[in-house]
Protein backbone atom coordinates (compact mmCIF):
# COMPACT_ATOMS: atom_id res chain seq x y z
CA MET A 1 -42.68 18.95 -37.39
CA HIS A 2 -40.97 15.86 -38.74
CA ARG A 3 -39.21 13.73 -36.09
CA GLU A 4 -36.44 11.47 -37.30
CA GLU A 5 -36.61 7.98 -35.88
CA VAL A 6 -33.36 6.72 -34.39
CA SER A 7 -32.67 3.05 -34.98
CA PRO A 8 -31.54 0.73 -32.15
CA MET A 9 -28.15 0.35 -33.87
CA LYS A 10 -27.64 4.12 -33.79
CA ASN A 11 -28.52 4.18 -30.11
CA ILE A 12 -25.92 1.52 -29.44
CA ALA A 13 -23.36 3.47 -31.46
CA TYR A 14 -24.07 6.64 -29.44
CA VAL A 15 -23.66 4.74 -26.18
CA LEU A 16 -20.37 3.20 -27.30
CA LEU A 17 -19.02 6.55 -28.44
CA SER A 18 -19.99 8.13 -25.11
CA PHE A 19 -18.30 5.30 -23.22
CA VAL A 20 -15.08 5.67 -25.24
CA PHE A 21 -15.14 9.44 -24.64
CA VAL A 22 -15.52 9.01 -20.84
CA VAL A 23 -12.77 6.38 -20.68
CA SER A 24 -10.47 8.56 -22.80
CA CYS A 25 -11.08 11.55 -20.51
CA PHE A 26 -10.37 9.45 -17.41
CA VAL A 27 -7.11 8.10 -18.89
CA ALA A 28 -6.04 11.61 -19.89
CA ALA A 29 -6.83 12.95 -16.42
CA SER A 30 -4.90 10.10 -14.79
CA ALA A 31 -1.91 10.73 -17.05
CA GLN A 32 -1.86 14.36 -15.95
CA LEU A 33 -1.74 13.62 -12.22
CA PRO A 34 1.15 15.42 -10.50
CA SER A 35 3.85 13.31 -8.89
CA GLN A 36 2.82 11.89 -5.53
CA ASP A 37 6.42 11.38 -4.42
CA PRO A 38 6.79 12.83 -0.88
CA GLY A 39 10.45 13.62 -1.62
CA HIS A 40 13.79 12.79 -0.04
CA LYS A 41 14.58 13.60 3.59
CA GLU A 42 17.76 11.65 4.34
CA ASN A 43 19.80 8.62 3.36
CA ALA A 44 19.78 5.47 5.49
CA GLU A 45 21.09 1.91 5.44
CA ILE A 46 20.00 -1.40 6.96
CA ALA A 47 21.90 -4.71 6.65
CA GLY A 48 23.92 -3.31 3.76
CA ILE A 49 20.85 -2.01 1.85
CA LYS A 50 20.83 1.73 1.20
CA PHE A 51 17.54 3.60 0.86
CA SER A 52 15.96 7.04 1.05
CA VAL A 53 13.84 8.13 4.01
CA PRO A 54 10.91 10.16 2.60
CA ASN A 55 9.74 13.50 3.92
CA GLY A 56 7.26 13.31 6.78
CA PHE A 57 8.87 10.27 8.41
CA ASN A 58 11.43 9.97 11.21
CA LEU A 59 13.92 7.11 11.30
CA GLU A 60 13.98 5.38 14.69
CA THR A 61 16.27 2.82 16.26
CA SER A 62 14.72 -0.60 15.81
CA SER A 63 14.87 -3.56 18.18
CA ASP A 64 15.65 -5.77 15.16
CA SER A 65 18.96 -5.21 13.37
CA GLY A 66 17.36 -6.40 10.14
CA VAL A 67 14.47 -3.94 10.22
CA ALA A 68 14.49 -0.18 9.62
CA PHE A 69 11.51 1.66 11.15
CA MET A 70 10.31 5.12 10.11
CA ARG A 71 7.42 6.74 12.01
CA HIS A 72 5.10 9.28 10.41
CA ASN A 73 5.13 12.63 12.19
CA LYS A 74 1.30 12.94 12.30
CA TYR A 75 -0.50 9.63 11.68
CA ASP A 76 -0.59 6.15 13.26
CA LEU A 77 1.62 5.04 10.40
CA ALA A 78 5.18 3.81 9.94
CA LEU A 79 7.33 2.61 7.05
CA PHE A 80 9.71 -0.31 7.22
CA VAL A 81 12.53 -1.91 5.28
CA ALA A 82 13.22 -5.50 6.33
CA VAL A 83 16.16 -7.61 5.17
CA PRO A 84 15.52 -11.17 6.38
CA GLU A 85 18.35 -13.55 7.15
CA LYS A 86 16.06 -16.56 6.69
CA GLN A 87 13.28 -17.67 4.41
CA VAL A 88 10.24 -15.41 4.26
CA ASP A 89 7.45 -17.67 5.46
CA ASP A 90 4.37 -17.35 7.68
CA ASN A 91 6.47 -17.43 10.85
CA TYR A 92 8.72 -14.64 9.60
CA LEU A 93 5.80 -12.45 8.52
CA THR A 94 4.07 -12.93 11.87
CA SER A 95 7.26 -12.14 13.77
CA LEU A 96 7.88 -9.05 11.61
CA SER A 97 4.31 -7.85 12.20
CA ASN A 98 4.72 -8.20 15.97
CA THR A 99 8.02 -6.30 15.84
CA LEU A 100 6.43 -3.44 13.88
CA VAL A 101 3.30 -3.07 16.02
CA SER A 102 5.30 -3.26 19.25
CA GLN A 103 7.38 -0.29 18.08
CA LEU A 104 4.45 1.71 16.74
CA PHE A 105 2.27 1.10 19.84
CA PRO A 106 4.51 -0.42 22.57
CA LYS A 107 1.66 -0.90 25.06
CA GLU A 108 -0.44 -3.05 22.70
CA LYS A 109 0.10 -6.82 23.05
CA ASP A 110 -1.35 -10.22 22.16
CA PHE A 111 -2.22 -9.77 18.50
CA ARG A 112 -3.68 -12.50 16.32
CA TRP A 113 -2.46 -12.11 12.74
CA LYS A 114 -4.00 -13.03 9.41
CA LEU A 115 -1.65 -13.38 6.44
CA LEU A 116 -2.98 -12.16 3.09
CA PRO A 117 -0.81 -12.89 0.02
CA GLY A 118 -0.97 -10.31 -2.77
CA ASP A 119 -1.97 -10.83 -6.39
CA SER A 120 1.07 -12.26 -8.18
CA ASP A 121 -0.11 -10.76 -11.48
CA LYS A 122 -0.10 -7.19 -10.16
CA LYS A 123 3.47 -5.93 -9.90
CA VAL A 124 4.62 -2.36 -9.46
CA SER A 125 8.36 -3.04 -9.83
CA LYS A 126 10.30 -5.16 -12.29
CA TYR A 127 12.28 -6.43 -9.29
CA GLN A 128 9.16 -7.50 -7.38
CA THR A 129 8.91 -11.15 -6.34
CA ALA A 130 5.96 -11.03 -3.92
CA SER A 131 3.55 -8.78 -2.06
CA GLY A 132 0.89 -9.04 0.58
CA SER A 133 -0.60 -7.82 3.83
CA THR A 134 -0.92 -8.93 7.41
CA LYS A 135 -3.64 -7.71 9.71
CA GLY A 136 -3.67 -8.16 13.46
CA PHE A 137 -6.32 -7.67 16.12
CA ASN A 138 -5.96 -7.89 19.91
CA GLY A 139 -9.59 -7.45 20.86
CA GLU A 140 -9.42 -3.65 20.73
CA ARG A 141 -7.03 -2.34 18.08
CA LEU A 142 -6.48 -3.37 14.47
CA PHE A 143 -3.19 -2.91 12.64
CA GLN A 144 -2.38 -3.83 9.08
CA THR A 145 0.85 -4.06 7.12
CA HIS A 146 1.32 -3.80 3.37
CA TYR A 147 4.61 -5.05 1.95
CA ILE A 148 6.26 -5.55 -1.42
CA THR A 149 9.19 -7.94 -1.71
CA VAL A 150 11.94 -7.15 -4.21
CA LYS A 151 15.14 -8.98 -5.04
CA VAL A 152 18.15 -6.72 -5.51
CA LYS A 153 21.76 -7.94 -5.64
CA ASP A 154 20.58 -11.43 -4.63
CA ARG A 155 18.99 -10.03 -1.45
CA GLU A 156 15.32 -10.31 -0.60
CA ILE A 157 14.01 -7.00 0.76
CA LEU A 158 10.55 -6.28 2.16
CA ILE A 159 9.44 -2.66 1.85
CA GLY A 160 6.14 -1.58 3.31
CA TYR A 161 4.15 0.22 5.96
CA ILE A 162 2.02 -0.50 9.01
CA THR A 163 -1.04 1.52 9.96
CA GLN A 164 -3.93 1.43 12.40
CA LEU A 165 -7.44 1.00 10.99
CA GLY A 166 -10.97 1.13 12.36
CA GLN A 167 -10.22 3.39 15.32
CA PHE A 168 -12.46 6.23 14.15
CA SER A 169 -15.39 4.20 12.83
CA HIS A 170 -15.16 1.77 15.77
CA ASN A 171 -15.31 -1.24 13.47
CA ALA A 172 -11.88 -2.79 14.05
CA LYS A 173 -13.37 -6.22 14.79
CA SER A 174 -15.48 -6.34 11.63
CA LEU A 175 -12.53 -5.16 9.52
CA PHE A 176 -10.41 -7.95 10.98
CA ASP A 177 -13.13 -10.53 10.29
CA PHE A 178 -13.43 -9.29 6.69
CA GLU A 179 -11.87 -11.81 4.32
CA GLY A 180 -9.52 -9.45 2.49
CA ALA A 181 -7.42 -6.42 3.33
CA ALA A 182 -9.10 -3.97 5.70
CA GLY A 183 -8.02 -0.87 3.77
CA MET A 184 -4.95 1.08 2.79
CA SER A 185 -3.08 4.28 3.57
CA MET A 186 -2.47 6.65 0.68
CA PRO A 187 0.40 8.47 2.48
CA GLY A 188 1.80 5.03 3.29
CA TRP A 189 1.67 3.88 -0.33
CA PHE A 190 3.16 7.11 -1.71
CA ALA A 191 6.08 6.81 0.73
CA GLN A 192 6.43 3.07 0.18
CA ALA A 193 6.83 3.71 -3.55
CA HIS A 194 9.50 6.33 -2.75
CA ILE A 195 11.59 3.80 -0.83
CA LEU A 196 11.07 1.14 -3.50
CA ALA A 197 12.42 3.50 -6.16
CA SER A 198 15.43 4.37 -4.00
CA VAL A 199 16.28 0.67 -3.51
CA THR A 200 15.71 -0.60 -7.06
CA GLY A 201 16.89 2.49 -8.95
CA GLU A 202 13.62 2.76 -10.87
CA ARG A 203 11.82 6.04 -11.51
CA TYR A 204 9.16 6.88 -8.95
CA GLU A 205 6.57 7.39 -11.71
CA ASP A 206 7.28 3.88 -13.04
CA ILE A 207 6.28 2.45 -9.66
CA ASN A 208 3.46 4.87 -8.89
CA PRO A 209 2.39 6.78 -12.01
CA GLY A 210 -0.45 8.30 -9.99
CA THR A 211 -3.01 6.70 -7.71
CA VAL A 212 -6.60 7.91 -7.66
CA LEU A 213 -8.78 6.82 -4.73
CA ARG A 214 -12.34 6.36 -5.90
CA GLY A 215 -15.37 5.58 -3.73
CA VAL A 216 -18.57 3.82 -4.70
CA ILE A 217 -21.85 4.97 -3.19
CA SER A 218 -24.37 2.22 -2.66
CA VAL A 219 -28.06 3.20 -2.71
CA LYS A 220 -30.39 0.90 -0.82
CA LYS A 221 -33.74 0.31 -2.50
CA ASN A 222 -36.80 -0.37 -0.39
């Protein structure tokens, strides 16, 4: 039987074609993702800014007249819309974080907060001016916020969520010590995008065309 020898260049070509095929399939699959919009529950307004409360969240009275607070009906998770009357700086973000955690878990006190600015090159809205996270730890519980700042009608508006992390894996301290963000909430992000769209007037799919959460398994070699 005659066996045809395959040249190194052909091998490279086969690998490149396989890679392009896999990437094309992934892009096609991502494009076909159904909408992750949780849907509209009710209309609300804070400091003259109108927005939509998404399904699965309950609007509560906030201790701050410039902050709207929406608690999830199942998870340790809440959405917020904040309309600051002063400059958004480290002091404001720390104060906002304390306001949010005190409403989500009123008995938890004395948090130390880390401020984590977002990547300025990664924007989900054409009205976006900033983004970031804050994560706070009080020696037992870890909470993290994710926010996106947009400018609409000359008003700066922070739209985001706060969630508890590390409570099930008992690694709240190590997640707080970690240099970057400790994690994210997919229900939080889907609902955050819903509110963003309702404030800016953009299509939901333009803000969140479909988010796929992928994990990487690390194999330890002896």
